[in-house]
Amino acid sequence: MADPIKIRAQIQGDVTDIRVLMQHPMETGQRKDDKGQTLPAHFIQTFTVSLNGKPIIDGQLNTSISRNPLFTFQARGIKAGDRLSVTWTDNAGETRQDDITVA
């Protein structure tokens, strides 16, 4: 299973800064290993950020995103005690979901 998604949410007035670090190799399918063999493509295709079970961000990625992508967002209406969840699915069918309670 993939490493945990790191999620941070910092409330500043009525705006919340959300940072999401998705641990993933994000292979393009064009790089070669030490033996000259092409490494197969392996990348996150879709991700969703949800607030209390309702999606607030849906995204699509491709091979042009770097390893362990970091995204930042801002949202309004988030308060302490709310539940933020991030889910991704990659091109190999692997899925990862992690969540936090906003402090």
N, C-alpha and C. Protein backbone atom coordinates (compact mmCIF):
# COMPACT_ATOMS: atom_id res chain seq x y z
N MET A 1 0.84 -1.18 0.00
CA MET A 1 0.00 0.00 0.00
C MET A 1 0.89 1.24 0.00
N ALA A 2 0.40 2.31 -0.60
CA ALA A 2 1.14 3.56 -0.72
C ALA A 2 1.30 4.24 0.65
N ASP A 3 2.29 5.11 0.73
CA ASP A 3 2.51 5.88 1.96
C ASP A 3 1.33 6.81 2.20
N PRO A 4 1.10 7.21 3.46
CA PRO A 4 -0.04 8.06 3.78
C PRO A 4 0.01 9.41 3.05
N ILE A 5 -1.17 9.92 2.77
CA ILE A 5 -1.31 11.28 2.24
C ILE A 5 -1.18 12.22 3.43
N LYS A 6 -0.37 13.25 3.29
CA LYS A 6 -0.20 14.23 4.36
C LYS A 6 -1.12 15.40 4.06
N ILE A 7 -2.00 15.70 5.00
CA ILE A 7 -2.99 16.75 4.83
C ILE A 7 -2.84 17.74 5.98
N ARG A 8 -2.78 19.02 5.64
CA ARG A 8 -2.73 20.07 6.65
C ARG A 8 -3.77 21.11 6.30
N ALA A 9 -4.48 21.58 7.31
CA ALA A 9 -5.47 22.63 7.12
C ALA A 9 -5.25 23.68 8.19
N GLN A 10 -5.12 24.92 7.75
CA GLN A 10 -4.89 26.02 8.69
C GLN A 10 -5.96 27.08 8.46
N ILE A 11 -6.80 27.27 9.47
CA ILE A 11 -7.87 28.26 9.37
C ILE A 11 -7.30 29.63 9.67
N GLN A 12 -7.59 30.58 8.77
CA GLN A 12 -7.16 31.98 8.94
C GLN A 12 -8.37 32.86 8.64
N GLY A 13 -9.11 33.20 9.68
CA GLY A 13 -10.34 33.96 9.48
C GLY A 13 -11.39 33.08 8.85
N ASP A 14 -11.96 33.52 7.73
CA ASP A 14 -12.98 32.71 7.05
C ASP A 14 -12.40 31.86 5.92
N VAL A 15 -11.07 31.94 5.72
CA VAL A 15 -10.40 31.17 4.67
C VAL A 15 -9.51 30.11 5.32
N THR A 16 -9.53 28.91 4.75
CA THR A 16 -8.68 27.82 5.24
C THR A 16 -7.68 27.45 4.16
N ASP A 17 -6.40 27.44 4.52
CA ASP A 17 -5.35 26.98 3.61
C ASP A 17 -5.22 25.48 3.78
N ILE A 18 -5.32 24.74 2.66
CA ILE A 18 -5.23 23.29 2.67
C ILE A 18 -4.00 22.88 1.87
N ARG A 19 -3.15 22.05 2.48
CA ARG A 19 -1.95 21.52 1.80
C ARG A 19 -2.06 20.00 1.78
N VAL A 20 -1.84 19.44 0.60
CA VAL A 20 -1.95 17.99 0.42
C VAL A 20 -0.68 17.48 -0.25
N LEU A 21 0.02 16.56 0.42
CA LEU A 21 1.21 15.91 -0.14
C LEU A 21 0.87 14.45 -0.38
N MET A 22 0.82 14.06 -1.67
CA MET A 22 0.48 12.69 -2.05
C MET A 22 1.76 11.93 -2.37
N GLN A 23 2.09 10.94 -1.56
CA GLN A 23 3.30 10.15 -1.75
C GLN A 23 3.08 9.16 -2.88
N HIS A 24 3.76 9.36 -4.01
CA HIS A 24 3.58 8.49 -5.17
C HIS A 24 4.77 8.65 -6.10
N PRO A 25 5.25 7.57 -6.75
CA PRO A 25 6.42 7.67 -7.62
C PRO A 25 6.19 8.47 -8.90
N MET A 26 4.97 8.52 -9.41
CA MET A 26 4.62 9.30 -10.61
C MET A 26 5.57 9.03 -11.78
N GLU A 27 5.71 7.76 -12.15
CA GLU A 27 6.57 7.38 -13.29
C GLU A 27 5.88 7.72 -14.61
N THR A 28 6.63 8.28 -15.54
CA THR A 28 6.08 8.71 -16.82
C THR A 28 5.97 7.59 -17.85
N GLY A 29 6.73 6.53 -17.67
CA GLY A 29 6.78 5.47 -18.66
C GLY A 29 7.85 5.72 -19.71
N GLN A 30 8.65 6.77 -19.51
CA GLN A 30 9.71 7.12 -20.46
C GLN A 30 11.11 6.99 -19.86
N ARG A 31 11.19 6.83 -18.55
CA ARG A 31 12.48 6.72 -17.89
C ARG A 31 12.98 5.29 -17.93
N LYS A 32 14.29 5.12 -17.92
CA LYS A 32 14.90 3.77 -17.96
C LYS A 32 15.61 3.48 -16.64
N ASP A 33 15.65 2.19 -16.29
CA ASP A 33 16.37 1.78 -15.09
C ASP A 33 17.85 1.59 -15.41
N ASP A 34 18.62 1.07 -14.44
CA ASP A 34 20.06 0.88 -14.60
C ASP A 34 20.41 -0.11 -15.72
N LYS A 35 19.49 -0.99 -16.06
CA LYS A 35 19.73 -1.99 -17.09
C LYS A 35 19.23 -1.55 -18.46
N GLY A 36 18.71 -0.33 -18.55
CA GLY A 36 18.22 0.18 -19.82
C GLY A 36 16.78 -0.19 -20.13
N GLN A 37 16.11 -0.82 -19.18
CA GLN A 37 14.71 -1.21 -19.38
C GLN A 37 13.80 -0.03 -19.03
N THR A 38 12.81 0.19 -19.85
CA THR A 38 11.86 1.27 -19.60
C THR A 38 10.99 0.94 -18.39
N LEU A 39 10.90 1.89 -17.46
CA LEU A 39 10.04 1.72 -16.30
C LEU A 39 8.60 1.97 -16.74
N PRO A 40 7.67 1.14 -16.33
CA PRO A 40 6.28 1.32 -16.76
C PRO A 40 5.66 2.59 -16.15
N ALA A 41 4.74 3.17 -16.89
CA ALA A 41 4.02 4.34 -16.39
C ALA A 41 3.26 3.97 -15.13
N HIS A 42 3.33 4.83 -14.13
CA HIS A 42 2.64 4.62 -12.86
C HIS A 42 2.41 6.00 -12.25
N PHE A 43 1.19 6.51 -12.38
CA PHE A 43 0.91 7.87 -11.94
C PHE A 43 -0.52 8.00 -11.42
N ILE A 44 -0.74 9.00 -10.58
CA ILE A 44 -2.07 9.30 -10.07
C ILE A 44 -2.90 9.87 -11.22
N GLN A 45 -4.09 9.31 -11.42
CA GLN A 45 -4.96 9.81 -12.47
C GLN A 45 -6.01 10.78 -11.93
N THR A 46 -6.63 10.45 -10.81
CA THR A 46 -7.67 11.31 -10.26
C THR A 46 -7.49 11.46 -8.75
N PHE A 47 -7.94 12.59 -8.24
CA PHE A 47 -7.97 12.77 -6.79
C PHE A 47 -9.18 13.62 -6.42
N THR A 48 -9.62 13.45 -5.18
CA THR A 48 -10.76 14.21 -4.67
C THR A 48 -10.44 14.66 -3.26
N VAL A 49 -10.78 15.92 -2.97
CA VAL A 49 -10.71 16.45 -1.61
C VAL A 49 -12.16 16.64 -1.18
N SER A 50 -12.52 16.03 -0.05
CA SER A 50 -13.90 16.10 0.44
C SER A 50 -13.94 16.75 1.81
N LEU A 51 -15.02 17.47 2.08
CA LEU A 51 -15.26 18.10 3.37
C LEU A 51 -16.52 17.47 3.94
N ASN A 52 -16.37 16.79 5.07
CA ASN A 52 -17.49 16.11 5.71
C ASN A 52 -18.25 15.21 4.74
N GLY A 53 -17.50 14.52 3.87
CA GLY A 53 -18.10 13.56 2.95
C GLY A 53 -18.58 14.13 1.63
N LYS A 54 -18.51 15.45 1.45
CA LYS A 54 -18.95 16.07 0.20
C LYS A 54 -17.74 16.59 -0.57
N PRO A 55 -17.59 16.22 -1.85
CA PRO A 55 -16.43 16.66 -2.63
C PRO A 55 -16.39 18.19 -2.77
N ILE A 56 -15.21 18.76 -2.52
CA ILE A 56 -15.03 20.19 -2.76
C ILE A 56 -14.02 20.44 -3.88
N ILE A 57 -13.18 19.43 -4.18
CA ILE A 57 -12.19 19.53 -5.26
C ILE A 57 -12.09 18.17 -5.94
N ASP A 58 -12.19 18.17 -7.26
CA ASP A 58 -11.93 16.98 -8.07
C ASP A 58 -10.81 17.35 -9.03
N GLY A 59 -9.80 16.50 -9.13
CA GLY A 59 -8.69 16.80 -10.01
C GLY A 59 -8.28 15.59 -10.84
N GLN A 60 -7.67 15.89 -11.99
CA GLN A 60 -7.10 14.86 -12.85
C GLN A 60 -5.63 15.19 -13.07
N LEU A 61 -4.78 14.17 -12.99
CA LEU A 61 -3.35 14.35 -13.18
C LEU A 61 -2.90 13.49 -14.35
N ASN A 62 -1.65 13.72 -14.79
CA ASN A 62 -1.08 12.87 -15.83
C ASN A 62 0.41 12.70 -15.55
N THR A 63 1.15 12.24 -16.52
CA THR A 63 2.56 11.90 -16.32
C THR A 63 3.46 13.12 -16.15
N SER A 64 2.96 14.31 -16.41
CA SER A 64 3.83 15.49 -16.33
C SER A 64 3.96 16.05 -14.91
N ILE A 65 3.37 15.41 -13.92
CA ILE A 65 3.44 15.86 -12.53
C ILE A 65 4.60 15.14 -11.84
N SER A 66 5.34 15.87 -11.02
CA SER A 66 6.52 15.31 -10.36
C SER A 66 6.17 14.29 -9.28
N ARG A 67 7.17 13.54 -8.88
CA ARG A 67 7.04 12.56 -7.79
C ARG A 67 6.56 13.27 -6.53
N ASN A 68 5.73 12.59 -5.75
CA ASN A 68 5.20 13.11 -4.49
C ASN A 68 4.60 14.51 -4.65
N PRO A 69 3.55 14.64 -5.48
CA PRO A 69 3.01 15.97 -5.75
C PRO A 69 2.43 16.64 -4.50
N LEU A 70 2.65 17.95 -4.43
CA LEU A 70 2.15 18.79 -3.35
C LEU A 70 1.18 19.80 -3.95
N PHE A 71 -0.01 19.88 -3.41
CA PHE A 71 -1.02 20.83 -3.88
C PHE A 71 -1.47 21.69 -2.72
N THR A 72 -1.77 22.95 -3.01
CA THR A 72 -2.32 23.85 -2.00
C THR A 72 -3.61 24.45 -2.55
N PHE A 73 -4.58 24.59 -1.67
CA PHE A 73 -5.89 25.13 -2.03
C PHE A 73 -6.33 26.06 -0.91
N GLN A 74 -7.29 26.91 -1.23
CA GLN A 74 -7.95 27.71 -0.22
C GLN A 74 -9.44 27.44 -0.33
N ALA A 75 -10.11 27.40 0.82
CA ALA A 75 -11.55 27.16 0.85
C ALA A 75 -12.18 28.00 1.95
N ARG A 76 -13.42 28.34 1.76
CA ARG A 76 -14.18 29.08 2.77
C ARG A 76 -15.18 28.14 3.42
N GLY A 77 -15.59 28.48 4.63
CA GLY A 77 -16.64 27.74 5.30
C GLY A 77 -16.18 26.52 6.06
N ILE A 78 -14.88 26.31 6.18
CA ILE A 78 -14.37 25.18 6.96
C ILE A 78 -14.18 25.63 8.39
N LYS A 79 -14.59 24.80 9.33
CA LYS A 79 -14.45 25.15 10.74
C LYS A 79 -13.81 24.01 11.53
N ALA A 80 -13.33 24.33 12.71
CA ALA A 80 -12.72 23.31 13.57
C ALA A 80 -13.71 22.19 13.81
N GLY A 81 -13.21 20.95 13.73
CA GLY A 81 -14.05 19.77 13.91
C GLY A 81 -14.53 19.16 12.60
N ASP A 82 -14.42 19.90 11.49
CA ASP A 82 -14.79 19.36 10.19
C ASP A 82 -13.80 18.29 9.78
N ARG A 83 -14.25 17.39 8.91
CA ARG A 83 -13.43 16.28 8.45
C ARG A 83 -13.02 16.50 7.00
N LEU A 84 -11.70 16.59 6.74
CA LEU A 84 -11.16 16.69 5.38
C LEU A 84 -10.62 15.33 4.98
N SER A 85 -10.98 14.90 3.78
CA SER A 85 -10.55 13.61 3.27
C SER A 85 -9.97 13.78 1.88
N VAL A 86 -8.87 13.07 1.59
CA VAL A 86 -8.26 13.09 0.27
C VAL A 86 -8.17 11.65 -0.22
N THR A 87 -8.61 11.43 -1.46
CA THR A 87 -8.56 10.12 -2.09
C THR A 87 -7.92 10.24 -3.45
N TRP A 88 -7.01 9.32 -3.79
CA TRP A 88 -6.48 9.29 -5.16
C TRP A 88 -6.58 7.88 -5.71
N THR A 89 -6.60 7.80 -7.06
CA THR A 89 -6.57 6.53 -7.78
C THR A 89 -5.53 6.66 -8.88
N ASP A 90 -4.67 5.65 -9.02
CA ASP A 90 -3.64 5.72 -10.05
C ASP A 90 -3.98 4.83 -11.25
N ASN A 91 -3.14 4.88 -12.26
CA ASN A 91 -3.40 4.15 -13.50
C ASN A 91 -3.25 2.63 -13.34
N ALA A 92 -2.73 2.18 -12.21
CA ALA A 92 -2.63 0.74 -11.93
C ALA A 92 -3.83 0.25 -11.12
N GLY A 93 -4.77 1.16 -10.84
CA GLY A 93 -5.96 0.80 -10.09
C GLY A 93 -5.80 0.89 -8.59
N GLU A 94 -4.63 1.30 -8.12
CA GLU A 94 -4.39 1.45 -6.69
C GLU A 94 -5.09 2.72 -6.19
N THR A 95 -5.64 2.64 -4.99
CA THR A 95 -6.34 3.77 -4.39
C THR A 95 -5.81 4.00 -2.99
N ARG A 96 -5.79 5.27 -2.61
CA ARG A 96 -5.37 5.62 -1.24
C ARG A 96 -6.32 6.70 -0.74
N GLN A 97 -6.72 6.60 0.53
CA GLN A 97 -7.56 7.63 1.15
C GLN A 97 -7.05 7.88 2.56
N ASP A 98 -6.94 9.14 2.90
CA ASP A 98 -6.59 9.54 4.25
C ASP A 98 -7.42 10.75 4.62
N ASP A 99 -7.61 10.97 5.91
CA ASP A 99 -8.40 12.12 6.34
C ASP A 99 -7.89 12.67 7.66
N ILE A 100 -8.31 13.90 7.92
CA ILE A 100 -7.95 14.57 9.17
C ILE A 100 -9.18 15.30 9.72
N THR A 101 -9.13 15.60 10.99
CA THR A 101 -10.11 16.47 11.59
C THR A 101 -9.46 17.84 11.72
N VAL A 102 -10.11 18.87 11.19
CA VAL A 102 -9.58 20.22 11.20
C VAL A 102 -9.54 20.72 12.64
N ALA A 103 -8.40 21.24 13.04
CA ALA A 103 -8.24 21.75 14.42
C ALA A 103 -8.42 23.26 14.44
